[in-house]
Amino acid sequence: MSLGLDDYLVWEQGGAIYEGAFTLATLDKLEEVIPEAVFRAEVATWAKRIGVEPKEIHIRAMKRKWASCSSKGRLTFDPELLKQPAAFRAEVIVHELLHLKISNHGPLFKAMGKAYLAKYGVGC
């Protein structure tokens, strides 16, 4: 069974986050916490691939989601994401960066997300 980003956006963080993380571990080994600099490099790499430039990138605790994108181009990521497998981090990063091009979650948004992830061999 393949799980995607949408499977992990609906539950709240707290105790439930670890249930999702353990489910995800069957797909991709959970990794040690990556340094913030490595995560920022991942975001920069994906931004270049997608052809977008976030105005700001912040890492701060979020209560109900992994990340967000403001209408002004500010991306915010939960630090718990740095504990997740690389493939899942990529899905979250691509999802938020695509919001710099497409504000909604319509068919075009979903198709572009799948296409970028597949092109670079992530998940799907």
N, C-alpha and C. Protein backbone atom coordinates (compact mmCIF):
# COMPACT_ATOMS: atom_id res chain seq x y z
N MET A 1 0.84 -1.19 0.00
CA MET A 1 0.00 0.00 0.00
C MET A 1 0.88 1.24 0.00
N SER A 2 0.58 2.17 -0.87
CA SER A 2 1.36 3.40 -0.95
C SER A 2 0.60 4.53 -0.26
N LEU A 3 1.27 5.24 0.61
CA LEU A 3 0.67 6.35 1.31
C LEU A 3 1.26 7.64 0.80
N GLY A 4 0.44 8.66 0.69
CA GLY A 4 0.92 9.94 0.18
C GLY A 4 0.83 11.01 1.23
N LEU A 5 1.23 12.20 0.86
CA LEU A 5 1.23 13.33 1.76
C LEU A 5 -0.14 13.59 2.36
N ASP A 6 -1.19 13.50 1.56
CA ASP A 6 -2.53 13.78 2.06
C ASP A 6 -2.93 12.85 3.20
N ASP A 7 -2.35 11.64 3.27
CA ASP A 7 -2.66 10.72 4.35
C ASP A 7 -2.14 11.21 5.69
N TYR A 8 -1.20 12.16 5.67
CA TYR A 8 -0.58 12.62 6.90
C TYR A 8 -0.95 14.05 7.28
N LEU A 9 -1.73 14.73 6.47
CA LEU A 9 -2.07 16.10 6.77
C LEU A 9 -3.32 16.23 7.63
N VAL A 10 -4.09 15.18 7.76
CA VAL A 10 -5.37 15.30 8.42
C VAL A 10 -5.30 15.12 9.93
N TRP A 11 -4.31 14.40 10.44
CA TRP A 11 -4.28 14.21 11.88
C TRP A 11 -3.45 15.27 12.55
N GLU A 12 -3.76 15.49 13.81
CA GLU A 12 -3.05 16.53 14.55
C GLU A 12 -1.75 15.98 15.11
N GLN A 13 -0.83 16.88 15.33
CA GLN A 13 0.42 16.47 15.96
C GLN A 13 0.17 16.26 17.44
N GLY A 14 1.13 15.72 18.10
CA GLY A 14 0.98 15.32 19.48
C GLY A 14 1.18 13.83 19.52
N GLY A 15 0.35 13.09 20.23
CA GLY A 15 0.46 11.64 20.28
C GLY A 15 0.26 11.00 18.92
N ALA A 16 -0.64 11.55 18.10
CA ALA A 16 -0.97 10.95 16.80
C ALA A 16 0.17 11.04 15.80
N ILE A 17 1.04 12.02 15.96
CA ILE A 17 2.11 12.17 14.98
C ILE A 17 2.98 10.91 14.93
N TYR A 18 3.16 10.29 16.06
CA TYR A 18 4.03 9.12 16.09
C TYR A 18 3.36 7.91 15.48
N GLU A 19 2.04 7.82 15.57
CA GLU A 19 1.34 6.75 14.87
C GLU A 19 1.61 6.86 13.38
N GLY A 20 1.50 8.06 12.82
CA GLY A 20 1.75 8.27 11.41
C GLY A 20 3.19 7.98 11.05
N ALA A 21 4.09 8.39 11.90
CA ALA A 21 5.51 8.17 11.64
C ALA A 21 5.82 6.68 11.62
N PHE A 22 5.23 5.91 12.53
CA PHE A 22 5.49 4.48 12.54
C PHE A 22 4.87 3.80 11.33
N THR A 23 3.71 4.26 10.89
CA THR A 23 3.11 3.73 9.67
C THR A 23 4.02 4.03 8.49
N LEU A 24 4.55 5.22 8.46
CA LEU A 24 5.43 5.62 7.38
C LEU A 24 6.72 4.80 7.40
N ALA A 25 7.15 4.38 8.56
CA ALA A 25 8.40 3.63 8.67
C ALA A 25 8.37 2.34 7.87
N THR A 26 7.19 1.79 7.63
CA THR A 26 7.12 0.58 6.82
C THR A 26 7.45 0.87 5.37
N LEU A 27 7.33 2.13 4.95
CA LEU A 27 7.63 2.51 3.57
C LEU A 27 9.06 2.98 3.41
N ASP A 28 9.58 3.62 4.42
CA ASP A 28 10.90 4.23 4.34
C ASP A 28 11.44 4.30 5.76
N LYS A 29 12.62 3.80 5.97
CA LYS A 29 13.21 3.76 7.30
C LYS A 29 13.25 5.15 7.92
N LEU A 30 12.81 5.26 9.17
CA LEU A 30 12.91 6.53 9.86
C LEU A 30 14.38 6.88 10.05
N GLU A 31 14.71 8.11 9.85
CA GLU A 31 16.08 8.56 9.94
C GLU A 31 16.32 9.32 11.23
N GLU A 32 17.57 9.52 11.53
CA GLU A 32 17.93 10.38 12.64
C GLU A 32 17.54 11.81 12.25
N VAL A 33 17.52 12.68 13.21
CA VAL A 33 17.21 14.08 12.93
C VAL A 33 18.30 14.65 12.03
N ILE A 34 17.88 15.27 10.93
CA ILE A 34 18.86 15.91 10.04
C ILE A 34 19.11 17.33 10.54
N PRO A 35 20.28 17.87 10.29
CA PRO A 35 20.55 19.26 10.68
C PRO A 35 19.67 20.23 9.90
N GLU A 36 19.36 21.35 10.51
CA GLU A 36 18.53 22.36 9.85
C GLU A 36 19.16 22.83 8.55
N ALA A 37 20.47 22.92 8.50
CA ALA A 37 21.15 23.37 7.28
C ALA A 37 20.92 22.38 6.13
N VAL A 38 20.88 21.10 6.44
CA VAL A 38 20.62 20.08 5.41
C VAL A 38 19.19 20.23 4.91
N PHE A 39 18.26 20.43 5.83
CA PHE A 39 16.86 20.61 5.44
C PHE A 39 16.71 21.85 4.54
N ARG A 40 17.33 22.94 4.93
CA ARG A 40 17.25 24.16 4.12
C ARG A 40 17.85 23.94 2.73
N ALA A 41 18.89 23.12 2.65
CA ALA A 41 19.48 22.79 1.35
C ALA A 41 18.50 21.96 0.51
N GLU A 42 17.76 21.06 1.16
CA GLU A 42 16.74 20.29 0.45
C GLU A 42 15.68 21.22 -0.12
N VAL A 43 15.23 22.17 0.69
CA VAL A 43 14.21 23.13 0.23
C VAL A 43 14.77 23.93 -0.95
N ALA A 44 15.99 24.41 -0.84
CA ALA A 44 16.60 25.20 -1.92
C ALA A 44 16.72 24.38 -3.21
N THR A 45 17.10 23.12 -3.07
CA THR A 45 17.24 22.25 -4.24
C THR A 45 15.90 22.05 -4.93
N TRP A 46 14.87 21.75 -4.16
CA TRP A 46 13.54 21.56 -4.74
C TRP A 46 13.00 22.87 -5.34
N ALA A 47 13.27 23.99 -4.68
CA ALA A 47 12.80 25.28 -5.21
C ALA A 47 13.42 25.54 -6.58
N LYS A 48 14.69 25.23 -6.72
CA LYS A 48 15.36 25.42 -8.01
C LYS A 48 14.75 24.51 -9.07
N ARG A 49 14.50 23.25 -8.72
CA ARG A 49 13.90 22.30 -9.66
C ARG A 49 12.53 22.77 -10.13
N ILE A 50 11.75 23.31 -9.20
CA ILE A 50 10.38 23.72 -9.50
C ILE A 50 10.35 25.11 -10.16
N GLY A 51 11.39 25.87 -9.95
CA GLY A 51 11.47 27.20 -10.54
C GLY A 51 10.76 28.27 -9.72
N VAL A 52 10.86 28.16 -8.41
CA VAL A 52 10.24 29.15 -7.52
C VAL A 52 11.29 29.65 -6.53
N GLU A 53 11.00 30.80 -5.94
CA GLU A 53 11.88 31.39 -4.94
C GLU A 53 11.06 31.81 -3.73
N PRO A 54 11.10 31.00 -2.67
CA PRO A 54 10.38 31.42 -1.46
C PRO A 54 11.01 32.71 -0.90
N LYS A 55 10.17 33.58 -0.39
CA LYS A 55 10.67 34.84 0.19
C LYS A 55 11.38 34.58 1.52
N GLU A 56 10.80 33.68 2.33
CA GLU A 56 11.36 33.35 3.64
C GLU A 56 11.12 31.86 3.90
N ILE A 57 12.01 31.26 4.67
CA ILE A 57 11.83 29.88 5.10
C ILE A 57 12.03 29.86 6.61
N HIS A 58 11.00 29.43 7.31
CA HIS A 58 11.05 29.37 8.77
C HIS A 58 10.83 27.94 9.24
N ILE A 59 11.42 27.63 10.36
CA ILE A 59 11.20 26.34 11.00
C ILE A 59 10.75 26.64 12.42
N ARG A 60 9.50 26.29 12.69
CA ARG A 60 8.95 26.52 14.03
C ARG A 60 7.85 25.50 14.30
N ALA A 61 7.59 25.26 15.56
CA ALA A 61 6.59 24.27 15.94
C ALA A 61 5.22 24.68 15.42
N MET A 62 4.52 23.69 14.86
CA MET A 62 3.17 23.90 14.36
C MET A 62 2.29 22.85 15.04
N LYS A 63 1.08 23.21 15.39
CA LYS A 63 0.22 22.31 16.14
C LYS A 63 -0.51 21.27 15.29
N ARG A 64 -0.90 21.63 14.08
CA ARG A 64 -1.81 20.76 13.33
C ARG A 64 -1.35 20.38 11.93
N LYS A 65 -0.17 20.80 11.52
CA LYS A 65 0.27 20.47 10.16
C LYS A 65 1.79 20.45 10.10
N TRP A 66 2.27 19.88 9.02
CA TRP A 66 3.71 19.78 8.81
C TRP A 66 4.32 21.08 8.31
N ALA A 67 3.54 21.83 7.52
CA ALA A 67 4.09 23.02 6.90
C ALA A 67 2.96 23.92 6.41
N SER A 68 3.36 25.16 6.04
CA SER A 68 2.39 26.08 5.47
C SER A 68 3.12 27.03 4.52
N CYS A 69 2.32 27.64 3.66
CA CYS A 69 2.84 28.62 2.70
C CYS A 69 1.92 29.84 2.74
N SER A 70 2.48 30.99 3.00
CA SER A 70 1.65 32.20 3.04
C SER A 70 1.50 32.77 1.63
N SER A 71 0.55 33.64 1.46
CA SER A 71 0.33 34.27 0.16
C SER A 71 1.48 35.20 -0.22
N LYS A 72 2.32 35.55 0.75
CA LYS A 72 3.47 36.41 0.48
C LYS A 72 4.75 35.61 0.21
N GLY A 73 4.63 34.28 0.13
CA GLY A 73 5.78 33.46 -0.20
C GLY A 73 6.61 32.99 0.97
N ARG A 74 6.06 33.06 2.17
CA ARG A 74 6.75 32.60 3.37
C ARG A 74 6.41 31.14 3.62
N LEU A 75 7.43 30.28 3.66
CA LEU A 75 7.23 28.87 3.97
C LEU A 75 7.61 28.62 5.42
N THR A 76 6.77 27.87 6.12
CA THR A 76 7.04 27.51 7.50
C THR A 76 6.93 26.00 7.61
N PHE A 77 7.95 25.38 8.23
CA PHE A 77 7.99 23.94 8.40
C PHE A 77 8.11 23.60 9.88
N ASP A 78 7.43 22.55 10.28
CA ASP A 78 7.52 22.07 11.66
C ASP A 78 8.86 21.35 11.85
N PRO A 79 9.56 21.59 12.95
CA PRO A 79 10.84 20.93 13.17
C PRO A 79 10.73 19.41 13.26
N GLU A 80 9.56 18.87 13.56
CA GLU A 80 9.37 17.42 13.59
C GLU A 80 9.61 16.81 12.21
N LEU A 81 9.47 17.62 11.17
CA LEU A 81 9.69 17.14 9.81
C LEU A 81 11.14 16.70 9.62
N LEU A 82 12.05 17.29 10.37
CA LEU A 82 13.47 16.95 10.27
C LEU A 82 13.76 15.55 10.79
N LYS A 83 12.78 14.93 11.44
CA LYS A 83 12.91 13.56 11.95
C LYS A 83 12.30 12.53 11.01
N GLN A 84 11.67 13.00 9.96
CA GLN A 84 10.94 12.11 9.06
C GLN A 84 11.85 11.61 7.93
N PRO A 85 11.45 10.51 7.29
CA PRO A 85 12.23 9.97 6.16
C PRO A 85 12.35 10.98 5.02
N ALA A 86 13.42 10.86 4.27
CA ALA A 86 13.71 11.80 3.18
C ALA A 86 12.57 11.90 2.17
N ALA A 87 11.97 10.77 1.82
CA ALA A 87 10.89 10.78 0.82
C ALA A 87 9.68 11.57 1.32
N PHE A 88 9.36 11.43 2.58
CA PHE A 88 8.23 12.18 3.13
C PHE A 88 8.55 13.66 3.20
N ARG A 89 9.79 14.00 3.63
CA ARG A 89 10.19 15.41 3.65
C ARG A 89 10.06 16.01 2.26
N ALA A 90 10.49 15.26 1.25
CA ALA A 90 10.41 15.76 -0.13
C ALA A 90 8.96 16.04 -0.52
N GLU A 91 8.05 15.15 -0.15
CA GLU A 91 6.63 15.36 -0.48
C GLU A 91 6.11 16.64 0.14
N VAL A 92 6.46 16.87 1.41
CA VAL A 92 5.99 18.07 2.10
C VAL A 92 6.61 19.32 1.47
N ILE A 93 7.90 19.27 1.20
CA ILE A 93 8.60 20.41 0.61
C ILE A 93 8.00 20.75 -0.76
N VAL A 94 7.85 19.75 -1.61
CA VAL A 94 7.29 19.98 -2.95
C VAL A 94 5.88 20.54 -2.84
N HIS A 95 5.09 19.98 -1.95
CA HIS A 95 3.71 20.44 -1.75
C HIS A 95 3.69 21.95 -1.46
N GLU A 96 4.51 22.37 -0.50
CA GLU A 96 4.50 23.78 -0.12
C GLU A 96 5.08 24.67 -1.22
N LEU A 97 6.15 24.23 -1.85
CA LEU A 97 6.74 25.04 -2.92
C LEU A 97 5.78 25.20 -4.10
N LEU A 98 5.00 24.17 -4.39
CA LEU A 98 4.03 24.28 -5.49
C LEU A 98 2.97 25.34 -5.21
N HIS A 99 2.72 25.60 -3.93
CA HIS A 99 1.76 26.66 -3.59
C HIS A 99 2.26 28.03 -4.03
N LEU A 100 3.54 28.16 -4.30
CA LEU A 100 4.05 29.43 -4.81
C LEU A 100 3.65 29.63 -6.27
N LYS A 101 3.25 28.54 -6.93
CA LYS A 101 2.76 28.60 -8.31
C LYS A 101 1.24 28.47 -8.37
N ILE A 102 0.68 27.58 -7.56
CA ILE A 102 -0.74 27.27 -7.60
C ILE A 102 -1.27 27.32 -6.17
N SER A 103 -2.24 28.17 -5.91
CA SER A 103 -2.69 28.37 -4.53
C SER A 103 -3.65 27.29 -4.01
N ASN A 104 -4.27 26.55 -4.91
CA ASN A 104 -5.27 25.57 -4.46
C ASN A 104 -4.72 24.14 -4.55
N HIS A 105 -5.57 23.17 -4.21
CA HIS A 105 -5.20 21.75 -4.27
C HIS A 105 -5.94 21.03 -5.39
N GLY A 106 -6.19 21.72 -6.48
CA GLY A 106 -6.94 21.16 -7.60
C GLY A 106 -6.16 20.12 -8.38
N PRO A 107 -6.76 19.62 -9.46
CA PRO A 107 -6.14 18.57 -10.27
C PRO A 107 -4.76 18.96 -10.82
N LEU A 108 -4.59 20.22 -11.25
CA LEU A 108 -3.29 20.65 -11.77
C LEU A 108 -2.23 20.59 -10.68
N PHE A 109 -2.57 21.06 -9.48
CA PHE A 109 -1.66 21.05 -8.34
C PHE A 109 -1.21 19.61 -8.04
N LYS A 110 -2.18 18.71 -7.95
CA LYS A 110 -1.86 17.30 -7.65
C LYS A 110 -1.03 16.66 -8.75
N ALA A 111 -1.35 16.94 -10.00
CA ALA A 111 -0.61 16.37 -11.12
C ALA A 111 0.83 16.88 -11.14
N MET A 112 1.01 18.16 -10.88
CA MET A 112 2.37 18.71 -10.86
C MET A 112 3.18 18.12 -9.72
N GLY A 113 2.56 17.96 -8.56
CA GLY A 113 3.26 17.36 -7.43
C GLY A 113 3.73 15.95 -7.74
N LYS A 114 2.83 15.15 -8.29
CA LYS A 114 3.20 13.78 -8.66
C LYS A 114 4.30 13.77 -9.72
N ALA A 115 4.20 14.67 -10.68
CA ALA A 115 5.19 14.71 -11.78
C ALA A 115 6.58 15.08 -11.25
N TYR A 116 6.68 16.08 -10.41
CA TYR A 116 7.98 16.45 -9.86
C TYR A 116 8.57 15.33 -9.02
N LEU A 117 7.75 14.72 -8.18
CA LEU A 117 8.26 13.66 -7.31
C LEU A 117 8.69 12.45 -8.14
N ALA A 118 7.90 12.12 -9.16
CA ALA A 118 8.25 10.97 -10.01
C ALA A 118 9.52 11.26 -10.82
N LYS A 119 9.64 12.47 -11.31
CA LYS A 119 10.82 12.83 -12.12
C LYS A 119 12.11 12.64 -11.34
N TYR A 120 12.06 12.90 -10.06
CA TYR A 120 13.26 12.79 -9.22
C TYR A 120 13.25 11.52 -8.37
N GLY A 121 12.37 10.57 -8.71
CA GLY A 121 12.38 9.26 -8.06
C GLY A 121 11.94 9.23 -6.62
N VAL A 122 10.98 10.09 -6.25
CA VAL A 122 10.50 10.13 -4.88
C VAL A 122 9.09 9.56 -4.82
N GLY A 123 8.88 8.60 -3.93
CA GLY A 123 7.55 8.07 -3.65
C GLY A 123 6.74 7.68 -4.87
N CYS A 124 5.49 8.11 -4.87
CA CYS A 124 4.49 7.86 -5.90
C CYS A 124 4.36 6.41 -6.12
